[in-house]
């Protein structure tokens, strides 16, 4: 049984915390958040442990989902690797190449897995599209246009400093650029 925790219970907590209990061979053991009341709320819903200091969570897990603001990813992922804890990190991995490189290097040196939450690449319609392109079924691709068809609004409670003025691009546009 793999013990998993979630660090950061902001915008993506529901997607992760409500799915983890359904994953075979996975034990959802805890959450960490700088806001103790937020961590306690999620923990009570799932009968798991809550921590304000994510280092304490790292001591009891095999892997973590890093769902903090991108500005905190480097610190959390590097510390997870140092403790031999695998990490699934929400996208974007970072807005700074040096931070991304540091996370990759730390994971490589610790021989831990680091995966970025570019989940749309696994959707069947996207894997089919890639297969058709790779096999040359549609000829040479010379132009790509994408649309985001769905409501998107950045929560008003989210500090603008997390993403600056390009929130939508980093939040959802990153999925489209990943597919390209």
N, C-alpha and C. Protein backbone atom coordinates (compact mmCIF):
# COMPACT_ATOMS: atom_id res chain seq x y z
N UNK A 1 0.85 -1.18 0.00
CA UNK A 1 0.00 0.00 0.00
C UNK A 1 0.89 1.24 0.00
N UNK A 2 0.65 2.14 -0.93
CA UNK A 2 1.43 3.37 -1.04
C UNK A 2 0.73 4.47 -0.26
N UNK A 3 1.46 5.11 0.62
CA UNK A 3 0.91 6.19 1.45
C UNK A 3 1.08 7.53 0.74
N UNK A 4 -0.03 8.22 0.54
CA UNK A 4 -0.03 9.47 -0.22
C UNK A 4 -0.58 10.61 0.64
N UNK A 5 0.00 11.79 0.46
CA UNK A 5 -0.50 12.99 1.11
C UNK A 5 -0.63 14.11 0.10
N UNK A 6 -1.36 15.14 0.48
CA UNK A 6 -1.55 16.31 -0.37
C UNK A 6 -1.02 17.53 0.37
N UNK A 7 -0.16 18.28 -0.31
CA UNK A 7 0.38 19.51 0.26
C UNK A 7 -0.26 20.68 -0.47
N UNK A 8 -1.05 21.44 0.26
CA UNK A 8 -1.78 22.57 -0.32
C UNK A 8 -3.23 22.19 -0.59
N UNK A 9 -4.14 22.77 0.15
CA UNK A 9 -5.56 22.46 -0.05
C UNK A 9 -6.32 23.70 -0.52
N UNK A 10 -5.77 24.33 -1.56
CA UNK A 10 -6.41 25.48 -2.18
C UNK A 10 -7.35 25.02 -3.27
N UNK A 11 -7.20 25.58 -4.46
CA UNK A 11 -8.12 25.36 -5.56
C UNK A 11 -8.26 23.94 -6.06
N UNK A 12 -7.21 23.13 -6.03
CA UNK A 12 -7.26 21.79 -6.60
C UNK A 12 -7.50 20.69 -5.57
N UNK A 13 -7.68 21.04 -4.32
CA UNK A 13 -7.76 20.01 -3.28
C UNK A 13 -8.87 19.01 -3.54
N UNK A 14 -10.02 19.47 -3.99
CA UNK A 14 -11.15 18.57 -4.18
C UNK A 14 -10.87 17.50 -5.22
N UNK A 15 -10.27 17.90 -6.32
CA UNK A 15 -9.96 16.94 -7.38
C UNK A 15 -9.05 15.84 -6.86
N UNK A 16 -8.08 16.20 -6.07
CA UNK A 16 -7.13 15.20 -5.56
C UNK A 16 -7.67 14.46 -4.35
N UNK A 17 -8.12 15.19 -3.36
CA UNK A 17 -8.53 14.57 -2.10
C UNK A 17 -9.77 13.70 -2.24
N UNK A 18 -10.64 14.00 -3.18
CA UNK A 18 -11.83 13.18 -3.37
C UNK A 18 -11.56 11.97 -4.26
N UNK A 19 -10.46 11.99 -4.99
CA UNK A 19 -10.10 10.88 -5.86
C UNK A 19 -9.19 9.87 -5.16
N UNK A 20 -8.27 10.35 -4.35
CA UNK A 20 -7.30 9.46 -3.71
C UNK A 20 -7.91 8.28 -2.97
N UNK A 21 -9.00 8.45 -2.22
CA UNK A 21 -9.56 7.29 -1.52
C UNK A 21 -10.05 6.19 -2.45
N UNK A 22 -10.25 6.50 -3.72
CA UNK A 22 -10.76 5.52 -4.69
C UNK A 22 -9.64 4.79 -5.43
N UNK A 23 -8.39 5.20 -5.23
CA UNK A 23 -7.26 4.63 -5.96
C UNK A 23 -6.81 3.34 -5.28
N UNK A 24 -6.74 2.25 -6.06
CA UNK A 24 -6.30 0.97 -5.52
C UNK A 24 -4.84 1.06 -5.07
N UNK A 25 -4.53 0.32 -4.03
CA UNK A 25 -3.17 0.24 -3.48
C UNK A 25 -2.65 1.59 -2.99
N UNK A 26 -3.55 2.48 -2.66
CA UNK A 26 -3.18 3.81 -2.20
C UNK A 26 -3.89 4.09 -0.88
N UNK A 27 -3.14 4.58 0.07
CA UNK A 27 -3.72 5.00 1.35
C UNK A 27 -3.53 6.50 1.49
N UNK A 28 -4.61 7.22 1.48
CA UNK A 28 -4.59 8.68 1.64
C UNK A 28 -4.43 8.95 3.13
N UNK A 29 -3.25 9.46 3.54
CA UNK A 29 -2.95 9.54 4.97
C UNK A 29 -2.96 10.95 5.56
N UNK A 30 -2.82 11.98 4.73
CA UNK A 30 -2.78 13.31 5.34
C UNK A 30 -2.71 14.45 4.35
N UNK A 31 -2.97 15.64 4.90
CA UNK A 31 -2.86 16.88 4.13
C UNK A 31 -2.07 17.89 4.95
N UNK A 32 -1.42 18.79 4.24
CA UNK A 32 -0.69 19.88 4.89
C UNK A 32 -1.05 21.18 4.20
N UNK A 33 -1.23 22.21 4.99
CA UNK A 33 -1.51 23.53 4.45
C UNK A 33 -1.09 24.55 5.50
N UNK A 34 -0.60 25.69 5.04
CA UNK A 34 -0.20 26.75 5.97
C UNK A 34 -1.38 27.27 6.78
N UNK A 35 -2.57 27.06 6.26
CA UNK A 35 -3.79 27.48 6.97
C UNK A 35 -4.35 26.27 7.72
N UNK A 36 -4.09 26.18 9.02
CA UNK A 36 -4.49 24.99 9.77
C UNK A 36 -5.98 24.67 9.67
N UNK A 37 -6.82 25.70 9.62
CA UNK A 37 -8.26 25.45 9.54
C UNK A 37 -8.63 24.79 8.21
N UNK A 38 -7.94 25.14 7.14
CA UNK A 38 -8.20 24.52 5.83
C UNK A 38 -7.77 23.06 5.84
N UNK A 39 -6.60 22.79 6.39
CA UNK A 39 -6.11 21.41 6.48
C UNK A 39 -7.03 20.57 7.36
N UNK A 40 -7.45 21.11 8.48
CA UNK A 40 -8.33 20.38 9.40
C UNK A 40 -9.68 20.06 8.75
N UNK A 41 -10.20 21.00 7.98
CA UNK A 41 -11.49 20.78 7.32
C UNK A 41 -11.41 19.59 6.36
N UNK A 42 -10.37 19.57 5.53
CA UNK A 42 -10.21 18.47 4.58
C UNK A 42 -9.93 17.17 5.32
N UNK A 43 -9.07 17.23 6.32
CA UNK A 43 -8.72 16.03 7.09
C UNK A 43 -9.94 15.41 7.75
N UNK A 44 -10.81 16.24 8.29
CA UNK A 44 -12.00 15.71 8.96
C UNK A 44 -12.95 15.06 7.96
N UNK A 45 -13.00 15.57 6.74
CA UNK A 45 -13.86 14.98 5.70
C UNK A 45 -13.37 13.61 5.28
N UNK A 46 -12.07 13.36 5.40
CA UNK A 46 -11.49 12.11 4.92
C UNK A 46 -10.91 11.24 6.04
N UNK A 47 -11.09 11.64 7.28
CA UNK A 47 -10.55 10.91 8.43
C UNK A 47 -9.05 10.64 8.27
N UNK A 48 -8.31 11.69 8.01
CA UNK A 48 -6.86 11.61 7.85
C UNK A 48 -6.21 12.66 8.74
N UNK A 49 -4.89 12.69 8.73
CA UNK A 49 -4.15 13.64 9.56
C UNK A 49 -4.01 14.99 8.85
N UNK A 50 -3.97 16.05 9.65
CA UNK A 50 -3.76 17.40 9.13
C UNK A 50 -2.49 17.97 9.73
N UNK A 51 -1.74 18.68 8.89
CA UNK A 51 -0.50 19.30 9.33
C UNK A 51 -0.43 20.73 8.82
N UNK A 52 0.16 21.60 9.60
CA UNK A 52 0.45 22.95 9.12
C UNK A 52 1.84 22.97 8.49
N UNK A 53 2.73 22.13 8.98
CA UNK A 53 4.10 22.03 8.47
C UNK A 53 4.19 20.81 7.56
N UNK A 54 4.39 21.03 6.27
CA UNK A 54 4.41 19.92 5.32
C UNK A 54 5.55 18.95 5.58
N UNK A 55 6.61 19.37 6.25
CA UNK A 55 7.72 18.47 6.56
C UNK A 55 7.24 17.28 7.40
N UNK A 56 6.28 17.52 8.28
CA UNK A 56 5.73 16.44 9.10
C UNK A 56 4.98 15.44 8.23
N UNK A 57 4.27 15.92 7.23
CA UNK A 57 3.58 15.02 6.31
C UNK A 57 4.59 14.19 5.52
N UNK A 58 5.68 14.81 5.08
CA UNK A 58 6.70 14.09 4.31
C UNK A 58 7.28 12.92 5.08
N UNK A 59 7.25 12.98 6.40
CA UNK A 59 7.81 11.91 7.22
C UNK A 59 6.96 10.64 7.21
N UNK A 60 5.69 10.74 6.80
CA UNK A 60 4.80 9.57 6.89
C UNK A 60 4.26 9.10 5.54
N UNK A 61 4.78 9.64 4.44
CA UNK A 61 4.25 9.28 3.12
C UNK A 61 5.33 8.73 2.20
N UNK A 62 4.87 8.04 1.15
CA UNK A 62 5.75 7.57 0.08
C UNK A 62 5.71 8.54 -1.09
N UNK A 63 4.60 9.25 -1.21
CA UNK A 63 4.43 10.20 -2.31
C UNK A 63 3.51 11.33 -1.91
N UNK A 64 3.67 12.47 -2.56
CA UNK A 64 2.82 13.62 -2.29
C UNK A 64 2.30 14.23 -3.58
N UNK A 65 1.15 14.84 -3.46
CA UNK A 65 0.63 15.69 -4.51
C UNK A 65 0.90 17.11 -4.05
N UNK A 66 1.65 17.85 -4.85
CA UNK A 66 2.02 19.22 -4.50
C UNK A 66 1.03 20.14 -5.20
N UNK A 67 0.11 20.69 -4.42
CA UNK A 67 -0.95 21.54 -4.96
C UNK A 67 -0.87 22.94 -4.35
N UNK A 68 0.34 23.38 -4.12
CA UNK A 68 0.59 24.71 -3.59
C UNK A 68 0.65 25.70 -4.75
N UNK A 69 0.71 26.99 -4.47
CA UNK A 69 0.98 27.94 -5.54
C UNK A 69 2.35 27.62 -6.17
N UNK A 70 2.52 27.88 -7.46
CA UNK A 70 3.78 27.57 -8.13
C UNK A 70 5.01 28.15 -7.44
N UNK A 71 4.87 29.28 -6.80
CA UNK A 71 6.03 29.90 -6.14
C UNK A 71 6.57 29.04 -5.01
N UNK A 72 5.80 28.09 -4.51
CA UNK A 72 6.25 27.21 -3.44
C UNK A 72 6.68 25.84 -3.93
N UNK A 73 6.49 25.55 -5.21
CA UNK A 73 6.79 24.22 -5.72
C UNK A 73 8.24 23.80 -5.49
N UNK A 74 9.18 24.69 -5.79
CA UNK A 74 10.59 24.31 -5.68
C UNK A 74 10.92 23.83 -4.27
N UNK A 75 10.59 24.61 -3.28
CA UNK A 75 10.91 24.24 -1.90
C UNK A 75 10.30 22.89 -1.54
N UNK A 76 9.03 22.71 -1.84
CA UNK A 76 8.33 21.49 -1.45
C UNK A 76 8.88 20.28 -2.20
N UNK A 77 9.03 20.37 -3.51
CA UNK A 77 9.50 19.23 -4.30
C UNK A 77 10.93 18.86 -3.93
N UNK A 78 11.80 19.83 -3.77
CA UNK A 78 13.20 19.55 -3.40
C UNK A 78 13.24 18.88 -2.03
N UNK A 79 12.47 19.37 -1.08
CA UNK A 79 12.45 18.74 0.25
C UNK A 79 11.84 17.35 0.21
N UNK A 80 10.85 17.15 -0.62
CA UNK A 80 10.28 15.80 -0.77
C UNK A 80 11.35 14.85 -1.30
N UNK A 81 12.07 15.27 -2.32
CA UNK A 81 13.12 14.42 -2.89
C UNK A 81 14.18 14.09 -1.84
N UNK A 82 14.57 15.08 -1.05
CA UNK A 82 15.57 14.85 0.00
C UNK A 82 15.10 13.80 1.00
N UNK A 83 13.79 13.66 1.15
CA UNK A 83 13.24 12.67 2.08
C UNK A 83 12.79 11.40 1.34
N UNK A 84 13.25 11.25 0.09
CA UNK A 84 12.91 10.09 -0.75
C UNK A 84 11.41 9.91 -0.94
N UNK A 85 10.73 11.02 -1.11
CA UNK A 85 9.28 11.02 -1.34
C UNK A 85 9.03 11.44 -2.79
N UNK A 86 8.26 10.63 -3.50
CA UNK A 86 7.90 10.93 -4.89
C UNK A 86 6.90 12.08 -4.92
N UNK A 87 6.88 12.84 -6.02
CA UNK A 87 6.00 14.01 -6.09
C UNK A 87 5.25 14.08 -7.42
N UNK A 88 3.96 14.32 -7.31
CA UNK A 88 3.12 14.72 -8.43
C UNK A 88 2.85 16.19 -8.19
N UNK A 89 3.35 17.04 -9.08
CA UNK A 89 3.28 18.49 -8.86
C UNK A 89 2.28 19.11 -9.82
N UNK A 90 1.37 19.88 -9.28
CA UNK A 90 0.42 20.60 -10.11
C UNK A 90 1.17 21.49 -11.09
N UNK A 91 0.56 21.73 -12.22
CA UNK A 91 1.13 22.62 -13.21
C UNK A 91 0.79 24.06 -12.88
N UNK A 92 1.59 24.99 -13.30
CA UNK A 92 2.90 24.80 -13.93
C UNK A 92 3.93 24.37 -12.89
N UNK A 93 4.89 23.58 -13.33
CA UNK A 93 5.95 23.16 -12.41
C UNK A 93 6.57 24.39 -11.79
N UNK A 94 6.85 25.38 -12.61
CA UNK A 94 7.41 26.65 -12.13
C UNK A 94 7.24 27.69 -13.22
N UNK A 95 7.40 28.93 -12.86
CA UNK A 95 7.44 30.00 -13.85
C UNK A 95 8.88 30.44 -14.06
N UNK A 96 9.82 29.69 -13.49
CA UNK A 96 11.23 30.02 -13.55
C UNK A 96 12.01 28.76 -13.93
N UNK A 97 12.78 28.82 -15.01
CA UNK A 97 13.51 27.66 -15.49
C UNK A 97 14.49 27.12 -14.45
N UNK A 98 15.17 27.99 -13.73
CA UNK A 98 16.13 27.54 -12.71
C UNK A 98 15.42 26.74 -11.62
N UNK A 99 14.23 27.16 -11.23
CA UNK A 99 13.46 26.40 -10.24
C UNK A 99 13.08 25.03 -10.78
N UNK A 100 12.64 24.98 -12.02
CA UNK A 100 12.29 23.70 -12.64
C UNK A 100 13.50 22.78 -12.69
N UNK A 101 14.62 23.32 -13.13
CA UNK A 101 15.85 22.53 -13.19
C UNK A 101 16.24 21.99 -11.81
N UNK A 102 16.10 22.81 -10.78
CA UNK A 102 16.45 22.39 -9.41
C UNK A 102 15.56 21.24 -8.95
N UNK A 103 14.28 21.29 -9.27
CA UNK A 103 13.36 20.21 -8.89
C UNK A 103 13.69 18.92 -9.62
N UNK A 104 13.98 19.04 -10.90
CA UNK A 104 14.34 17.86 -11.68
C UNK A 104 15.64 17.26 -11.17
N UNK A 105 16.63 18.10 -10.92
CA UNK A 105 17.91 17.62 -10.42
C UNK A 105 17.76 16.93 -9.06
N UNK A 106 17.01 17.54 -8.16
CA UNK A 106 16.81 16.94 -6.83
C UNK A 106 16.14 15.58 -6.94
N UNK A 107 15.15 15.47 -7.80
CA UNK A 107 14.45 14.20 -7.98
C UNK A 107 15.36 13.16 -8.62
N UNK A 108 16.14 13.58 -9.61
CA UNK A 108 17.09 12.66 -10.25
C UNK A 108 18.11 12.15 -9.24
N UNK A 109 18.67 13.06 -8.45
CA UNK A 109 19.70 12.67 -7.48
C UNK A 109 19.14 11.75 -6.40
N UNK A 110 17.89 11.94 -6.04
CA UNK A 110 17.27 11.10 -5.00
C UNK A 110 16.64 9.83 -5.58
N UNK A 111 16.64 9.74 -6.91
CA UNK A 111 16.01 8.62 -7.60
C UNK A 111 14.51 8.52 -7.24
N UNK A 112 13.87 9.69 -7.18
CA UNK A 112 12.43 9.74 -6.93
C UNK A 112 11.72 10.21 -8.19
N UNK A 113 10.47 9.86 -8.29
CA UNK A 113 9.67 10.29 -9.43
C UNK A 113 9.15 11.70 -9.21
N UNK A 114 9.16 12.48 -10.27
CA UNK A 114 8.54 13.81 -10.29
C UNK A 114 7.69 13.87 -11.55
N UNK A 115 6.41 14.08 -11.36
CA UNK A 115 5.50 14.19 -12.50
C UNK A 115 4.73 15.50 -12.37
N UNK A 116 4.59 16.17 -13.50
CA UNK A 116 3.84 17.43 -13.53
C UNK A 116 2.41 17.12 -13.97
N UNK A 117 1.45 17.81 -13.40
CA UNK A 117 0.04 17.55 -13.66
C UNK A 117 -0.46 17.97 -15.03
N UNK A 118 0.23 17.54 -16.05
CA UNK A 118 -0.22 17.78 -17.42
C UNK A 118 -1.12 16.61 -17.82
N UNK A 119 -2.30 16.55 -17.23
CA UNK A 119 -3.15 15.37 -17.33
C UNK A 119 -3.91 15.25 -18.64
N UNK A 120 -4.09 16.35 -19.37
CA UNK A 120 -4.87 16.26 -20.61
C UNK A 120 -4.19 15.37 -21.64
N UNK A 121 -2.89 15.22 -21.56
CA UNK A 121 -2.18 14.38 -22.53
C UNK A 121 -2.61 12.92 -22.45
N UNK A 122 -3.27 12.53 -21.36
CA UNK A 122 -3.72 11.15 -21.19
C UNK A 122 -5.17 10.94 -21.60
N UNK A 123 -5.87 11.99 -21.95
CA UNK A 123 -7.26 11.86 -22.38
C UNK A 123 -7.29 11.10 -23.71
N UNK A 124 -8.21 10.16 -23.87
CA UNK A 124 -8.25 9.35 -25.10
C UNK A 124 -8.30 10.16 -26.39
N UNK A 125 -9.05 11.25 -26.43
CA UNK A 125 -9.13 12.04 -27.65
C UNK A 125 -7.77 12.65 -28.00
N UNK A 126 -6.99 13.01 -26.99
CA UNK A 126 -5.68 13.59 -27.24
C UNK A 126 -4.66 12.52 -27.62
N UNK A 127 -4.73 11.35 -27.01
CA UNK A 127 -3.79 10.28 -27.39
C UNK A 127 -4.09 9.82 -28.82
N UNK A 128 -5.36 9.81 -29.19
CA UNK A 128 -5.71 9.46 -30.57
C UNK A 128 -5.16 10.50 -31.54
N UNK A 129 -5.32 11.78 -31.22
CA UNK A 129 -4.78 12.83 -32.08
C UNK A 129 -3.28 12.71 -32.26
N UNK A 130 -2.57 12.46 -31.17
CA UNK A 130 -1.11 12.29 -31.25
C UNK A 130 -0.76 11.09 -32.12
N UNK A 131 -1.49 10.00 -31.95
CA UNK A 131 -1.25 8.79 -32.74
C UNK A 131 -1.44 9.08 -34.23
N UNK A 132 -2.52 9.77 -34.57
CA UNK A 132 -2.80 10.08 -35.98
C UNK A 132 -1.71 10.97 -36.58
N UNK A 133 -1.24 11.93 -35.81
CA UNK A 133 -0.16 12.81 -36.29
C UNK A 133 1.13 12.03 -36.44
N UNK A 134 1.50 11.26 -35.41
CA UNK A 134 2.75 10.50 -35.42
C UNK A 134 2.79 9.50 -36.57
N UNK A 135 1.66 8.87 -36.86
CA UNK A 135 1.61 7.88 -37.93
C UNK A 135 1.43 8.51 -39.31
N UNK A 136 1.36 9.84 -39.36
CA UNK A 136 1.24 10.52 -40.64
C UNK A 136 -0.13 10.39 -41.27
N UNK A 137 -1.13 10.05 -40.50
CA UNK A 137 -2.48 9.83 -41.03
C UNK A 137 -3.14 11.10 -41.54
N UNK A 138 -2.69 12.26 -41.06
CA UNK A 138 -3.34 13.50 -41.48
C UNK A 138 -2.38 14.42 -42.24
N UNK A 139 -1.22 13.90 -42.58
CA UNK A 139 -0.24 14.72 -43.30
C UNK A 139 0.57 15.58 -42.36
N UNK A 140 1.30 16.53 -42.95
CA UNK A 140 2.14 17.43 -42.15
C UNK A 140 1.28 18.46 -41.43
N UNK A 141 1.57 18.64 -40.17
CA UNK A 141 0.86 19.66 -39.39
C UNK A 141 1.58 20.98 -39.62
N UNK A 142 0.87 21.95 -40.16
CA UNK A 142 1.47 23.25 -40.42
C UNK A 142 0.82 24.38 -39.61
N UNK A 143 -0.29 24.08 -38.97
CA UNK A 143 -0.99 25.10 -38.21
C UNK A 143 -1.83 24.42 -37.13
N UNK A 144 -1.81 24.97 -35.96
CA UNK A 144 -2.64 24.45 -34.86
C UNK A 144 -3.35 25.63 -34.21
N UNK A 145 -4.62 25.45 -34.00
CA UNK A 145 -5.41 26.45 -33.27
C UNK A 145 -6.18 25.71 -32.18
N UNK A 146 -6.18 26.25 -30.99
CA UNK A 146 -6.93 25.61 -29.91
C UNK A 146 -7.88 26.62 -29.28
N UNK A 147 -8.93 26.10 -28.73
CA UNK A 147 -9.88 26.90 -27.97
C UNK A 147 -10.07 26.22 -26.63
N UNK A 148 -10.32 27.02 -25.63
CA UNK A 148 -10.69 26.46 -24.33
C UNK A 148 -12.19 26.59 -24.24
N UNK A 149 -12.89 25.48 -24.30
CA UNK A 149 -14.35 25.52 -24.31
C UNK A 149 -14.88 25.13 -22.94
N UNK A 150 -15.00 26.10 -22.13
CA UNK A 150 -15.53 25.87 -20.79
C UNK A 150 -15.35 27.14 -20.00
N UNK A 151 -16.10 27.25 -18.94
CA UNK A 151 -15.97 28.46 -18.13
C UNK A 151 -14.63 28.48 -17.41
N UNK A 152 -14.03 29.62 -17.37
CA UNK A 152 -12.81 29.77 -16.57
C UNK A 152 -12.88 31.10 -15.87
N UNK A 153 -12.73 31.03 -14.60
CA UNK A 153 -12.59 32.27 -13.85
C UNK A 153 -11.67 31.98 -12.68
N UNK A 154 -10.72 32.82 -12.51
CA UNK A 154 -9.79 32.68 -11.40
C UNK A 154 -10.52 33.08 -10.13
N UNK A 155 -10.50 32.24 -9.10
CA UNK A 155 -11.21 32.60 -7.87
C UNK A 155 -10.76 33.95 -7.33
N UNK A 156 -11.70 34.77 -6.94
CA UNK A 156 -11.37 36.10 -6.43
C UNK A 156 -10.53 36.03 -5.16
N UNK A 157 -10.62 34.91 -4.45
CA UNK A 157 -9.85 34.77 -3.22
C UNK A 157 -8.38 34.45 -3.50
N UNK A 158 -8.05 34.11 -4.74
CA UNK A 158 -6.68 33.74 -5.08
C UNK A 158 -5.82 35.00 -5.18
N UNK A 159 -4.72 35.02 -4.46
CA UNK A 159 -3.83 36.20 -4.56
C UNK A 159 -3.29 36.36 -5.97
N UNK A 160 -3.38 37.56 -6.52
CA UNK A 160 -2.90 37.78 -7.88
C UNK A 160 -1.41 37.56 -7.98
N UNK A 161 -0.70 37.64 -6.88
CA UNK A 161 0.75 37.46 -6.93
C UNK A 161 1.15 36.03 -7.29
N UNK A 162 0.21 35.07 -7.17
CA UNK A 162 0.55 33.69 -7.52
C UNK A 162 0.90 33.58 -9.00
N UNK A 163 0.14 34.26 -9.84
CA UNK A 163 0.32 34.12 -11.27
C UNK A 163 0.55 35.44 -11.99
N UNK A 164 0.53 36.52 -11.28
CA UNK A 164 0.68 37.81 -11.94
C UNK A 164 -0.50 38.08 -12.84
N UNK A 165 -0.24 38.66 -13.99
CA UNK A 165 -1.33 39.07 -14.86
C UNK A 165 -1.67 38.04 -15.93
N UNK A 166 -1.06 36.86 -15.89
CA UNK A 166 -1.32 35.86 -16.93
C UNK A 166 -1.93 34.60 -16.35
N UNK A 167 -2.86 34.75 -15.41
CA UNK A 167 -3.48 33.62 -14.74
C UNK A 167 -4.09 32.60 -15.68
N UNK A 168 -4.91 33.03 -16.62
CA UNK A 168 -5.56 32.10 -17.52
C UNK A 168 -4.59 31.33 -18.38
N UNK A 169 -3.53 31.98 -18.82
CA UNK A 169 -2.53 31.32 -19.65
C UNK A 169 -1.85 30.20 -18.89
N UNK A 170 -1.46 30.47 -17.65
CA UNK A 170 -0.79 29.44 -16.87
C UNK A 170 -1.77 28.40 -16.35
N UNK A 171 -2.97 28.79 -16.04
CA UNK A 171 -3.95 27.86 -15.50
C UNK A 171 -4.43 26.85 -16.55
N UNK A 172 -4.82 27.32 -17.71
CA UNK A 172 -5.41 26.44 -18.70
C UNK A 172 -4.66 26.40 -20.02
N UNK A 173 -4.09 27.50 -20.43
CA UNK A 173 -3.34 27.52 -21.68
C UNK A 173 -2.16 26.57 -21.66
N UNK A 174 -1.62 26.33 -20.48
CA UNK A 174 -0.48 25.43 -20.36
C UNK A 174 -0.83 24.02 -20.81
N UNK A 175 -2.10 23.62 -20.63
CA UNK A 175 -2.51 22.30 -21.11
C UNK A 175 -2.44 22.23 -22.63
N UNK A 176 -2.86 23.30 -23.29
CA UNK A 176 -2.85 23.31 -24.75
C UNK A 176 -1.42 23.32 -25.29
N UNK A 177 -0.55 24.11 -24.68
CA UNK A 177 0.84 24.13 -25.15
C UNK A 177 1.51 22.79 -24.89
N UNK A 178 1.14 22.11 -23.83
CA UNK A 178 1.69 20.78 -23.55
C UNK A 178 1.30 19.79 -24.64
N UNK A 179 0.07 19.89 -25.11
CA UNK A 179 -0.38 18.97 -26.15
C UNK A 179 0.33 19.21 -27.47
N UNK A 180 0.71 20.45 -27.71
CA UNK A 180 1.41 20.76 -28.96
C UNK A 180 2.82 20.23 -28.88
